[in-house]
């Protein structure tokens, strides 16, 4: 049996202050999550990047 995680890499507003995390910060967090998943022995880590407003161009 394989165990894994799926994560949407969204940058939605914080529920407490309304601020939106930068894409760079969110991607840093995802790298930390992937590293931890590897350290604890998960077989898969699927992440889906959700970009709002076409990268805010």
PDB file of N, CA and C in Angstrom:
ATOM      1  N   UNK A   1       0.841  -1.162   0.000  1.00  0.00           N
ATOM      2  CA  UNK A   1       0.000   0.000   0.000  1.00  0.00           C
ATOM      3  C   UNK A   1       0.898   1.241   0.000  1.00  0.00           C
ATOM      4  N   UNK A   2       0.511   2.225  -0.803  1.00  0.00           N
ATOM      5  CA  UNK A   2       1.227   3.496  -0.832  1.00  0.00           C
ATOM      6  C   UNK A   2       0.379   4.573  -0.172  1.00  0.00           C
ATOM      7  N   UNK A   3       1.030   5.439   0.554  1.00  0.00           N
ATOM      8  CA  UNK A   3       0.340   6.549   1.223  1.00  0.00           C
ATOM      9  C   UNK A   3       0.937   7.847   0.715  1.00  0.00           C
ATOM     10  N   UNK A   4       0.082   8.812   0.418  1.00  0.00           N
ATOM     11  CA  UNK A   4       0.566  10.090  -0.087  1.00  0.00           C
ATOM     12  C   UNK A   4      -0.319  11.241   0.328  1.00  0.00           C
ATOM     13  N   UNK A   5       0.073  12.418  -0.101  1.00  0.00           N
ATOM     14  CA  UNK A   5      -0.631  13.659   0.212  1.00  0.00           C
ATOM     15  C   UNK A   5      -0.864  14.422  -1.089  1.00  0.00           C
ATOM     16  N   UNK A   6      -1.988  15.084  -1.173  1.00  0.00           N
ATOM     17  CA  UNK A   6      -2.242  16.030  -2.258  1.00  0.00           C
ATOM     18  C   UNK A   6      -2.389  17.406  -1.633  1.00  0.00           C
ATOM     19  N   UNK A   7      -1.762  18.401  -2.230  1.00  0.00           N
ATOM     20  CA  UNK A   7      -1.835  19.758  -1.694  1.00  0.00           C
ATOM     21  C   UNK A   7      -2.107  20.736  -2.824  1.00  0.00           C
ATOM     22  N   UNK A   8      -3.071  21.597  -2.620  1.00  0.00           N
ATOM     23  CA  UNK A   8      -3.300  22.699  -3.544  1.00  0.00           C
ATOM     24  C   UNK A   8      -2.428  23.857  -3.077  1.00  0.00           C
ATOM     25  N   UNK A   9      -1.629  24.386  -3.963  1.00  0.00           N
ATOM     26  CA  UNK A   9      -0.700  25.451  -3.591  1.00  0.00           C
ATOM     27  C   UNK A   9      -1.384  26.785  -3.862  1.00  0.00           C
ATOM     28  N   UNK A  10      -2.417  27.050  -3.083  1.00  0.00           N
ATOM     29  CA  UNK A  10      -3.176  28.269  -3.285  1.00  0.00           C
ATOM     30  C   UNK A  10      -2.616  29.401  -2.416  1.00  0.00           C
ATOM     31  N   UNK A  11      -2.934  30.602  -2.794  1.00  0.00           N
ATOM     32  CA  UNK A  11      -2.530  31.780  -2.027  1.00  0.00           C
ATOM     33  C   UNK A  11      -3.778  32.587  -1.703  1.00  0.00           C
ATOM     34  N   UNK A  12      -4.645  32.003  -0.921  1.00  0.00           N
ATOM     35  CA  UNK A  12      -5.886  32.676  -0.565  1.00  0.00           C
ATOM     36  C   UNK A  12      -5.673  33.621   0.616  1.00  0.00           C
ATOM     37  N   UNK A  13      -6.558  34.586   0.797  1.00  0.00           N
ATOM     38  CA  UNK A  13      -6.404  35.539   1.905  1.00  0.00           C
ATOM     39  C   UNK A  13      -6.467  34.844   3.269  1.00  0.00           C
ATOM     40  N   UNK A  14      -5.645  35.316   4.203  1.00  0.00           N
ATOM     41  CA  UNK A  14      -5.655  34.827   5.576  1.00  0.00           C
ATOM     42  C   UNK A  14      -7.005  35.157   6.204  1.00  0.00           C
ATOM     43  N   UNK A  15      -7.597  34.201   6.919  1.00  0.00           N
ATOM     44  CA  UNK A  15      -8.931  34.426   7.484  1.00  0.00           C
ATOM     45  C   UNK A  15      -8.922  35.443   8.626  1.00  0.00           C
ATOM     46  N   UNK A  16      -7.752  35.721   9.199  1.00  0.00           N
ATOM     47  CA  UNK A  16      -7.684  36.635  10.338  1.00  0.00           C
ATOM     48  C   UNK A  16      -7.412  38.078   9.933  1.00  0.00           C
ATOM     49  N   UNK A  17      -6.545  38.272   8.938  1.00  0.00           N
ATOM     50  CA  UNK A  17      -6.170  39.648   8.588  1.00  0.00           C
ATOM     51  C   UNK A  17      -6.406  40.014   7.122  1.00  0.00           C
ATOM     52  N   UNK A  18      -6.825  39.060   6.304  1.00  0.00           N
ATOM     53  CA  UNK A  18      -7.125  39.345   4.904  1.00  0.00           C
ATOM     54  C   UNK A  18      -5.924  39.456   3.992  1.00  0.00           C
ATOM     55  N   UNK A  19      -4.718  39.349   4.539  1.00  0.00           N
ATOM     56  CA  UNK A  19      -3.517  39.461   3.707  1.00  0.00           C
ATOM     57  C   UNK A  19      -3.312  38.192   2.889  1.00  0.00           C
ATOM     58  N   UNK A  20      -2.791  38.365   1.677  1.00  0.00           N
ATOM     59  CA  UNK A  20      -2.521  37.239   0.789  1.00  0.00           C
ATOM     60  C   UNK A  20      -1.019  36.975   0.794  1.00  0.00           C
ATOM     61  N   UNK A  21      -0.648  35.728   1.050  1.00  0.00           N
ATOM     62  CA  UNK A  21       0.754  35.334   1.062  1.00  0.00           C
ATOM     63  C   UNK A  21       1.323  35.428  -0.347  1.00  0.00           C
ATOM     64  N   UNK A  22       2.585  35.802  -0.461  1.00  0.00           N
ATOM     65  CA  UNK A  22       3.218  35.877  -1.778  1.00  0.00           C
ATOM     66  C   UNK A  22       3.408  34.468  -2.337  1.00  0.00           C
ATOM     67  N   UNK A  23       3.506  34.372  -3.666  1.00  0.00           N
ATOM     68  CA  UNK A  23       3.747  33.079  -4.290  1.00  0.00           C
ATOM     69  C   UNK A  23       5.086  32.505  -3.841  1.00  0.00           C
ATOM     70  N   UNK A  24       6.083  33.372  -3.713  1.00  0.00           N
ATOM     71  CA  UNK A  24       7.406  32.907  -3.293  1.00  0.00           C
ATOM     72  C   UNK A  24       7.351  32.282  -1.903  1.00  0.00           C
ATOM     73  N   UNK A  25       6.660  32.921  -0.963  1.00  0.00           N
ATOM     74  CA  UNK A  25       6.547  32.379   0.388  1.00  0.00           C
ATOM     75  C   UNK A  25       5.782  31.059   0.378  1.00  0.00           C
ATOM     76  N   UNK A  26       4.696  30.998  -0.386  1.00  0.00           N
ATOM     77  CA  UNK A  26       3.900  29.766  -0.429  1.00  0.00           C
ATOM     78  C   UNK A  26       4.706  28.611  -1.016  1.00  0.00           C
ATOM     79  N   UNK A  27       5.507  28.895  -2.050  1.00  0.00           N
ATOM     80  CA  UNK A  27       6.331  27.836  -2.637  1.00  0.00           C
ATOM     81  C   UNK A  27       7.416  27.378  -1.670  1.00  0.00           C
ATOM     82  N   UNK A  28       7.965  28.317  -0.863  1.00  0.00           N
ATOM     83  CA  UNK A  28       8.937  27.917   0.168  1.00  0.00           C
ATOM     84  C   UNK A  28       8.283  26.959   1.159  1.00  0.00           C
ATOM     85  N   UNK A  29       7.044  27.261   1.552  1.00  0.00           N
ATOM     86  CA  UNK A  29       6.326  26.382   2.468  1.00  0.00           C
ATOM     87  C   UNK A  29       6.089  25.007   1.856  1.00  0.00           C
ATOM     88  N   UNK A  30       5.759  24.981   0.564  1.00  0.00           N
ATOM     89  CA  UNK A  30       5.519  23.698  -0.106  1.00  0.00           C
ATOM     90  C   UNK A  30       6.792  22.862  -0.120  1.00  0.00           C
ATOM     91  N   UNK A  31       7.936  23.485  -0.371  1.00  0.00           N
ATOM     92  CA  UNK A  31       9.199  22.747  -0.357  1.00  0.00           C
ATOM     93  C   UNK A  31       9.433  22.158   1.031  1.00  0.00           C
ATOM     94  N   UNK A  32       9.129  22.915   2.089  1.00  0.00           N
ATOM     95  CA  UNK A  32       9.260  22.396   3.447  1.00  0.00           C
ATOM     96  C   UNK A  32       8.314  21.214   3.672  1.00  0.00           C
ATOM     97  N   UNK A  33       7.090  21.313   3.172  1.00  0.00           N
ATOM     98  CA  UNK A  33       6.115  20.232   3.313  1.00  0.00           C
ATOM     99  C   UNK A  33       6.582  18.974   2.581  1.00  0.00           C
ATOM    100  N   UNK A  34       7.125  19.147   1.383  1.00  0.00           N
ATOM    101  CA  UNK A  34       7.619  18.013   0.598  1.00  0.00           C
ATOM    102  C   UNK A  34       8.800  17.356   1.312  1.00  0.00           C
ATOM    103  N   UNK A  35       9.696  18.167   1.855  1.00  0.00           N
ATOM    104  CA  UNK A  35      10.848  17.637   2.587  1.00  0.00           C
ATOM    105  C   UNK A  35      10.392  16.822   3.791  1.00  0.00           C
ATOM    106  N   UNK A  36       9.433  17.358   4.546  1.00  0.00           N
ATOM    107  CA  UNK A  36       8.914  16.634   5.704  1.00  0.00           C
ATOM    108  C   UNK A  36       8.230  15.337   5.286  1.00  0.00           C
ATOM    109  N   UNK A  37       7.450  15.385   4.207  1.00  0.00           N
ATOM    110  CA  UNK A  37       6.777  14.180   3.720  1.00  0.00           C
ATOM    111  C   UNK A  37       7.795  13.105   3.370  1.00  0.00           C
ATOM    112  N   UNK A  38       8.905  13.508   2.761  1.00  0.00           N
ATOM    113  CA  UNK A  38       9.962  12.552   2.420  1.00  0.00           C
ATOM    114  C   UNK A  38      10.609  11.997   3.682  1.00  0.00           C
ATOM    115  N   UNK A  39      10.850  12.856   4.666  1.00  0.00           N
ATOM    116  CA  UNK A  39      11.493  12.430   5.909  1.00  0.00           C
ATOM    117  C   UNK A  39      10.653  11.414   6.680  1.00  0.00           C
ATOM    118  N   UNK A  40       9.335  11.566   6.649  1.00  0.00           N
ATOM    119  CA  UNK A  40       8.480  10.629   7.386  1.00  0.00           C
ATOM    120  C   UNK A  40       8.116   9.396   6.561  1.00  0.00           C
ATOM    121  N   UNK A  41       8.580   9.349   5.317  1.00  0.00           N
ATOM    122  CA  UNK A  41       8.431   8.141   4.520  1.00  0.00           C
ATOM    123  C   UNK A  41       7.186   8.042   3.665  1.00  0.00           C
ATOM    124  N   UNK A  42       6.527   9.153   3.371  1.00  0.00           N
ATOM    125  CA  UNK A  42       5.376   9.090   2.473  1.00  0.00           C
ATOM    126  C   UNK A  42       5.846   8.700   1.077  1.00  0.00           C
ATOM    127  N   UNK A  43       5.027   7.920   0.400  1.00  0.00           N
ATOM    128  CA  UNK A  43       5.390   7.429  -0.926  1.00  0.00           C
ATOM    129  C   UNK A  43       5.169   8.472  -2.024  1.00  0.00           C
ATOM    130  N   UNK A  44       4.176   9.336  -1.832  1.00  0.00           N
ATOM    131  CA  UNK A  44       3.834  10.302  -2.871  1.00  0.00           C
ATOM    132  C   UNK A  44       3.503  11.655  -2.248  1.00  0.00           C
ATOM    133  N   UNK A  45       3.824  12.709  -2.957  1.00  0.00           N
ATOM    134  CA  UNK A  45       3.397  14.052  -2.584  1.00  0.00           C
ATOM    135  C   UNK A  45       3.033  14.754  -3.875  1.00  0.00           C
ATOM    136  N   UNK A  46       1.740  14.923  -4.118  1.00  0.00           N
ATOM    137  CA  UNK A  46       1.256  15.582  -5.327  1.00  0.00           C
ATOM    138  C   UNK A  46       0.842  16.993  -4.964  1.00  0.00           C
ATOM    139  N   UNK A  47       1.363  17.952  -5.670  1.00  0.00           N
ATOM    140  CA  UNK A  47       0.922  19.316  -5.424  1.00  0.00           C
ATOM    141  C   UNK A  47       0.403  19.921  -6.709  1.00  0.00           C
ATOM    142  N   UNK A  48      -0.639  20.689  -6.559  1.00  0.00           N
ATOM    143  CA  UNK A  48      -1.294  21.336  -7.691  1.00  0.00           C
ATOM    144  C   UNK A  48      -1.206  22.838  -7.457  1.00  0.00           C
ATOM    145  N   UNK A  49      -0.578  23.531  -8.371  1.00  0.00           N
ATOM    146  CA  UNK A  49      -0.406  24.978  -8.209  1.00  0.00           C
ATOM    147  C   UNK A  49      -1.637  25.678  -8.746  1.00  0.00           C
ATOM    148  N   UNK A  50      -2.255  26.484  -7.909  1.00  0.00           N
ATOM    149  CA  UNK A  50      -3.418  27.249  -8.278  1.00  0.00           C
ATOM    150  C   UNK A  50      -2.988  28.721  -8.326  1.00  0.00           C
ATOM    151  N   UNK A  51      -2.954  29.269  -9.513  1.00  0.00           N
ATOM    152  CA  UNK A  51      -2.554  30.662  -9.682  1.00  0.00           C
ATOM    153  C   UNK A  51      -3.804  31.510  -9.901  1.00  0.00           C
ATOM    154  N   UNK A  52      -4.026  32.472  -9.037  1.00  0.00           N
ATOM    155  CA  UNK A  52      -5.198  33.321  -9.201  1.00  0.00           C
ATOM    156  C   UNK A  52      -4.828  34.543 -10.027  1.00  0.00           C
ATOM    157  N   UNK A  53      -5.779  35.003 -10.792  1.00  0.00           N
ATOM    158  CA  UNK A  53      -5.646  36.207 -11.616  1.00  0.00           C
ATOM    159  C   UNK A  53      -4.417  36.170 -12.520  1.00  0.00           C
ATOM    160  N   UNK A  54      -4.138  34.980 -13.089  1.00  0.00           N
ATOM    161  CA  UNK A  54      -3.016  34.815 -14.031  1.00  0.00           C
ATOM    162  C   UNK A  54      -1.728  35.421 -13.485  1.00  0.00           C
ATOM    163  N   UNK A  55      -1.352  35.009 -12.309  1.00  0.00           N
ATOM    164  CA  UNK A  55      -0.109  35.453 -11.663  1.00  0.00           C
ATOM    165  C   UNK A  55      -0.115  36.944 -11.337  1.00  0.00           C
ATOM    166  N   UNK A  56      -1.296  37.508 -11.231  1.00  0.00           N
ATOM    167  CA  UNK A  56      -1.454  38.933 -10.881  1.00  0.00           C
ATOM    168  C   UNK A  56      -0.637  39.839 -11.790  1.00  0.00           C
ATOM    169  N   UNK A  57      -0.696  39.561 -13.081  1.00  0.00           N
ATOM    170  CA  UNK A  57       0.053  40.368 -14.063  1.00  0.00           C
ATOM    171  C   UNK A  57      -0.619  41.714 -14.227  1.00  0.00           C
TER     172      UNK A  57
END
